[in-house]
N, C-alpha and C. Protein backbone atom coordinates (compact mmCIF):
# COMPACT_ATOMS: atom_id res chain seq x y z
N MET A 1 147.27 63.77 60.24
CA MET A 1 146.23 63.69 60.99
C MET A 1 144.61 64.93 60.56
N GLY A 2 144.04 64.27 60.48
CA GLY A 2 142.72 64.47 59.74
C GLY A 2 141.50 65.59 60.48
N PRO A 3 140.47 65.85 59.84
CA PRO A 3 140.05 67.13 60.94
C PRO A 3 139.10 65.95 61.90
N ALA A 4 138.41 64.64 61.37
CA ALA A 4 138.47 64.02 62.38
C ALA A 4 139.02 63.90 63.82
N ASP A 5 140.22 63.30 63.24
CA ASP A 5 141.49 63.74 64.52
C ASP A 5 141.84 65.00 65.02
N GLU A 6 141.38 65.98 64.79
CA GLU A 6 141.88 66.91 65.77
C GLU A 6 140.48 67.59 66.17
N THR A 7 139.24 66.80 66.74
CA THR A 7 138.35 67.30 67.16
C THR A 7 138.40 66.27 68.54
N SER A 8 138.65 64.89 67.89
CA SER A 8 139.20 64.07 69.69
C SER A 8 140.34 63.96 69.84
N SER A 9 141.33 65.07 69.28
CA SER A 9 142.55 65.18 70.22
C SER A 9 143.04 66.50 71.01
N LEU A 10 143.75 66.82 72.12
CA LEU A 10 143.62 67.63 73.36
C LEU A 10 145.15 68.12 72.86
N ARG A 11 145.32 69.49 73.00
CA ARG A 11 146.33 70.37 72.84
C ARG A 11 146.57 70.76 73.90
N ILE A 12 147.54 70.42 74.34
CA ILE A 12 148.49 70.15 76.21
C ILE A 12 150.00 70.51 76.21
N GLU A 13 150.21 71.69 77.19
CA GLU A 13 151.46 71.68 77.58
C GLU A 13 151.89 71.47 78.78
N VAL A 14 153.15 71.05 79.11
CA VAL A 14 153.65 70.72 79.97
C VAL A 14 154.60 71.29 80.62
N VAL A 15 154.86 72.01 81.12
CA VAL A 15 156.21 73.12 81.86
C VAL A 15 156.54 72.57 83.13
N TYR A 16 158.34 72.90 83.14
CA TYR A 16 159.01 72.55 84.39
C TYR A 16 159.97 73.85 84.27
N SER A 17 159.91 74.27 85.61
CA SER A 17 161.26 75.21 85.59
C SER A 17 162.41 74.53 86.30
N PRO A 18 163.03 74.52 85.66
CA PRO A 18 164.50 73.47 87.08
C PRO A 18 164.99 74.47 87.54
N ALA A 19 164.92 76.00 87.44
CA ALA A 19 165.73 77.01 88.19
C ALA A 19 165.21 77.93 88.28
N PRO A 20 165.31 78.96 89.08
CA PRO A 20 164.80 80.69 88.72
C PRO A 20 164.41 80.99 88.03
N ARG A 21 163.30 81.63 86.93
CA ARG A 21 163.53 82.31 85.38
C ARG A 21 163.95 81.61 84.54
N VAL A 22 163.64 80.01 84.40
CA VAL A 22 164.29 79.47 83.15
C VAL A 22 162.68 77.99 83.38
N VAL A 23 162.43 78.19 81.97
CA VAL A 23 161.22 76.69 82.00
C VAL A 23 161.55 76.60 80.92
N ASP A 24 161.02 75.54 81.21
CA ASP A 24 160.98 74.66 79.80
C ASP A 24 159.11 73.99 79.73
N ALA A 25 159.47 73.97 78.24
CA ALA A 25 157.78 73.70 77.77
C ALA A 25 157.93 72.86 77.07
N VAL A 26 156.23 71.80 77.02
CA VAL A 26 156.72 71.07 75.56
C VAL A 26 154.87 71.08 75.22
N SER A 27 154.88 71.11 74.05
CA SER A 27 153.45 71.30 73.39
C SER A 27 153.07 69.98 73.28
N LEU A 28 152.61 69.41 73.19
CA LEU A 28 151.68 68.08 73.32
C LEU A 28 150.45 67.93 72.54
N ARG A 29 150.16 67.21 71.55
CA ARG A 29 148.86 66.51 71.34
C ARG A 29 148.23 64.70 71.81
N LEU A 30 147.88 64.62 72.61
CA LEU A 30 147.23 63.38 73.49
C LEU A 30 145.73 63.32 72.69
N PRO A 31 145.69 61.58 72.88
CA PRO A 31 144.07 60.94 72.27
C PRO A 31 143.06 62.44 73.87
N ALA A 32 141.96 62.51 73.51
CA ALA A 32 141.18 62.83 74.73
C ALA A 32 140.81 62.00 75.49
N GLY A 33 140.59 61.90 76.86
CA GLY A 33 140.40 61.10 77.95
C GLY A 33 142.38 60.84 78.79
N ALA A 34 142.99 60.78 78.22
CA ALA A 34 144.25 61.49 78.45
C ALA A 34 144.24 61.98 79.43
N THR A 35 145.81 61.61 80.52
CA THR A 35 145.86 61.52 82.21
C THR A 35 147.04 62.73 82.40
N VAL A 36 147.26 63.12 83.65
CA VAL A 36 148.50 64.26 83.73
C VAL A 36 149.45 63.70 83.79
N GLU A 37 149.14 62.07 83.77
CA GLU A 37 150.44 61.24 84.04
C GLU A 37 151.24 60.89 83.13
N GLN A 38 149.64 60.50 81.91
CA GLN A 38 150.22 60.28 80.54
C GLN A 38 150.95 61.23 79.59
N ALA A 39 150.72 63.34 79.67
CA ALA A 39 151.06 64.04 79.46
C ALA A 39 152.89 64.25 80.08
N LEU A 40 152.48 63.80 81.36
CA LEU A 40 154.00 63.73 82.31
C LEU A 40 155.37 63.11 80.92
N ARG A 41 154.72 61.67 81.17
CA ARG A 41 155.29 60.89 80.41
C ARG A 41 155.83 60.90 78.71
N GLU A 42 154.52 61.25 77.87
CA GLU A 42 155.08 61.74 76.97
C GLU A 42 155.63 63.37 76.16
N SER A 43 155.77 64.35 77.66
CA SER A 43 156.39 65.46 77.54
C SER A 43 157.97 64.90 77.47
N GLY A 44 158.62 63.86 78.12
CA GLY A 44 159.89 63.61 77.91
C GLY A 44 160.51 64.14 79.29
N LEU A 45 159.88 65.30 79.90
CA LEU A 45 161.18 66.29 80.76
C LEU A 45 161.03 65.27 82.55
N LEU A 46 160.67 63.61 82.45
CA LEU A 46 160.99 63.63 83.38
C LEU A 46 162.55 63.26 83.66
N GLU A 47 162.39 62.07 82.33
CA GLU A 47 164.05 61.75 81.89
C GLU A 47 164.78 62.73 82.04
N ARG A 48 164.84 64.42 80.84
CA ARG A 48 165.45 65.07 81.02
C ARG A 48 165.79 65.60 81.81
N TYR A 49 165.26 65.48 83.19
CA TYR A 49 165.67 66.30 84.20
C TYR A 49 165.48 65.49 85.48
N GLN A 50 165.38 64.10 85.38
CA GLN A 50 166.03 62.90 86.45
C GLN A 50 165.00 63.16 87.73
N LEU A 51 163.70 63.60 87.14
CA LEU A 51 162.59 63.72 88.06
C LEU A 51 162.22 62.39 88.99
N PRO A 52 161.44 62.59 90.04
CA PRO A 52 161.10 61.65 91.07
C PRO A 52 160.08 60.77 90.41
N ALA A 53 159.48 60.00 90.74
CA ALA A 53 158.30 59.02 90.03
C ALA A 53 157.34 60.34 90.71
N VAL A 54 156.74 59.98 89.51
CA VAL A 54 155.35 60.47 88.91
C VAL A 54 154.51 60.64 90.51
N ASP A 55 154.47 59.48 91.36
CA ASP A 55 153.12 59.77 92.28
C ASP A 55 154.22 60.65 93.29
N ARG A 56 154.88 61.13 92.87
CA ARG A 56 156.42 61.84 94.15
C ARG A 56 156.22 63.11 93.83
N LEU A 57 155.92 63.54 92.50
CA LEU A 57 156.00 65.10 92.16
C LEU A 57 154.59 66.14 92.45
N ALA A 58 155.04 66.74 92.99
CA ALA A 58 153.90 67.60 92.82
C ALA A 58 153.72 68.33 91.78
N LEU A 59 152.14 68.66 91.39
CA LEU A 59 151.58 68.72 90.45
C LEU A 59 150.53 69.67 90.59
N GLY A 60 150.35 70.23 88.82
CA GLY A 60 149.12 71.23 88.84
C GLY A 60 149.05 71.12 87.28
N VAL A 61 147.37 71.82 87.19
CA VAL A 61 146.89 72.27 86.30
C VAL A 61 146.17 73.66 85.65
N TRP A 62 146.52 74.39 85.38
CA TRP A 62 146.97 76.19 85.34
C TRP A 62 146.71 76.65 86.71
N GLY A 63 147.77 76.01 88.25
CA GLY A 63 147.43 76.74 89.21
C GLY A 63 147.34 75.91 90.39
N LYS A 64 146.04 75.00 89.95
CA LYS A 64 145.80 73.84 90.73
C LYS A 64 146.22 72.27 90.90
N ARG A 65 146.02 71.92 92.35
CA ARG A 65 147.00 70.69 92.16
C ARG A 65 146.01 69.90 91.60
N GLN A 66 146.49 68.93 91.18
CA GLN A 66 146.24 67.80 90.36
C GLN A 66 146.97 66.15 90.68
N SER A 67 146.35 65.62 90.55
CA SER A 67 146.62 64.14 90.15
C SER A 67 146.91 63.29 89.93
N PRO A 68 148.38 62.43 89.45
CA PRO A 68 148.32 61.71 88.64
C PRO A 68 147.40 61.24 87.45
N GLY A 69 146.09 60.81 87.91
CA GLY A 69 145.13 59.92 86.83
C GLY A 69 144.15 61.22 86.76
N ASP A 70 144.16 62.57 87.20
CA ASP A 70 143.65 63.40 86.65
C ASP A 70 142.85 63.71 85.20
N ALA A 71 141.96 63.31 84.51
CA ALA A 71 142.04 63.50 83.51
C ALA A 71 142.01 64.63 83.04
N LEU A 72 142.25 65.49 81.49
CA LEU A 72 142.75 66.70 80.93
C LEU A 72 141.43 66.64 80.08
N HIS A 73 141.90 68.74 80.02
CA HIS A 73 140.90 68.86 78.96
C HIS A 73 141.81 69.42 77.94
N ASP A 74 141.21 70.24 76.91
CA ASP A 74 141.94 70.78 75.49
C ASP A 74 142.85 71.99 76.17
N GLN A 75 143.67 72.03 75.41
CA GLN A 75 144.46 73.82 76.02
C GLN A 75 144.87 73.20 77.74
N ASP A 76 145.08 72.50 78.44
CA ASP A 76 145.44 72.25 79.22
C ASP A 76 146.94 72.48 79.59
N ARG A 77 147.48 73.74 80.63
CA ARG A 77 148.42 73.56 80.81
C ARG A 77 149.26 72.48 82.37
N VAL A 78 149.56 71.27 81.97
CA VAL A 78 150.16 70.54 83.15
C VAL A 78 151.34 71.65 83.26
N GLU A 79 151.70 71.28 85.03
CA GLU A 79 152.52 72.22 85.53
C GLU A 79 153.41 71.62 86.62
N ILE A 80 154.74 71.22 86.49
CA ILE A 80 155.39 70.73 87.79
C ILE A 80 156.47 71.27 88.50
N TYR A 81 155.49 71.51 90.37
CA TYR A 81 156.11 72.00 90.97
C TYR A 81 157.58 71.64 91.74
N ARG A 82 158.26 72.18 91.80
CA ARG A 82 159.78 72.51 92.66
C ARG A 82 159.40 72.90 93.28
N PRO A 83 160.16 71.61 94.98
CA PRO A 83 159.75 72.18 95.96
C PRO A 83 160.58 73.37 96.52
N LEU A 84 160.26 74.32 97.33
CA LEU A 84 160.86 75.44 98.40
C LEU A 84 162.39 75.40 98.52
N LYS A 85 162.71 75.83 98.01
CA LYS A 85 164.34 75.88 99.02
C LYS A 85 164.78 76.60 100.14
N VAL A 86 163.76 78.05 100.06
CA VAL A 86 163.92 78.22 101.68
C VAL A 86 161.81 79.08 101.65
N ASP A 87 161.54 78.73 102.80
CA ASP A 87 160.08 79.41 102.45
C ASP A 87 160.37 81.01 102.44
N PRO A 88 158.99 81.34 101.81
CA PRO A 88 158.97 82.67 101.50
C PRO A 88 159.26 83.85 102.46
N LYS A 89 158.08 83.85 103.68
CA LYS A 89 158.59 84.56 104.56
C LYS A 89 159.70 84.51 104.96
N GLU A 90 160.76 84.21 105.11
CA GLU A 90 162.09 84.04 105.73
C GLU A 90 162.75 84.75 104.45
N ALA A 91 162.59 84.63 103.73
CA ALA A 91 163.20 84.78 101.86
C ALA A 91 162.98 86.51 102.41
N ARG A 92 161.71 87.11 102.66
CA ARG A 92 161.47 87.85 102.98
C ARG A 92 162.28 89.12 104.12
N ARG A 93 162.53 88.28 105.19
CA ARG A 93 163.50 88.66 106.67
C ARG A 93 165.11 88.60 105.77
N GLN A 94 165.15 87.45 105.71
CA GLN A 94 166.46 87.99 104.69
C GLN A 94 167.02 89.12 103.94
N ARG A 95 166.04 88.98 102.50
CA ARG A 95 167.31 90.79 102.52
C ARG A 95 165.73 91.68 102.89
N TYR A 96 165.33 91.69 103.58
CA TYR A 96 165.27 93.11 104.47
C TYR A 96 166.49 93.37 105.51
N ARG A 97 166.57 92.04 106.03
CA ARG A 97 168.03 92.66 106.97
C ARG A 97 169.45 92.66 105.72
N ALA A 98 169.56 92.69 104.98
CA ALA A 98 170.55 92.57 103.52
C ALA A 98 170.51 94.05 103.48
N HIS A 99 169.78 94.31 103.75
CA HIS A 99 168.65 95.89 103.15
C HIS A 99 169.45 96.60 103.83
N LEU A 100 169.16 96.30 105.19
CA LEU A 100 169.12 97.18 106.30
C LEU A 100 171.20 97.10 106.97
N GLU A 101 171.46 96.31 106.02
CA GLU A 101 172.96 95.69 106.35
C GLU A 101 173.87 97.12 105.45
N ARG A 102 172.66 97.18 104.11
CA ARG A 102 173.22 97.82 102.83
C ARG A 102 173.26 99.80 102.93
N TYR A 103 172.43 99.65 103.77
CA TYR A 103 171.93 100.86 104.00
C TYR A 103 171.15 101.11 105.56
N PRO A 104 172.18 101.40 106.39
CA PRO A 104 171.67 101.66 107.79
C PRO A 104 172.10 103.04 107.71
N ALA A 105 170.47 102.74 108.82
CA ALA A 105 169.81 104.37 108.91
C ALA A 105 170.65 105.53 109.62
N LYS A 106 170.27 106.60 109.37
CA LYS A 106 170.96 107.67 109.68
C LYS A 106 170.33 107.69 111.24
N ARG A 107 170.67 108.16 112.60
CA ARG A 107 171.02 108.44 113.08
C ARG A 107 171.29 109.66 114.16
């Protein structure tokens, strides 16, 4: 890639977390005007984790929800979001109950 190509290409990172505390990140160089969907397909993460169709995924760029057809900018981080298994409020309640069982209040 020559100097002219450097300015007309985008440096993109695509990330997916298949499990808690596990992150798979893929760095890409894409042509200017590339979309979120193009980055996902180039990353290989869809096939690697057998993810559903792009239009059924929850996607974002730097924590803000995006659509597959949205254009990317240089140094964007495309994120594939997993569905929550437990509502965060319910998870907090469960941790609190477990704590009470382990450390009952002295009366």
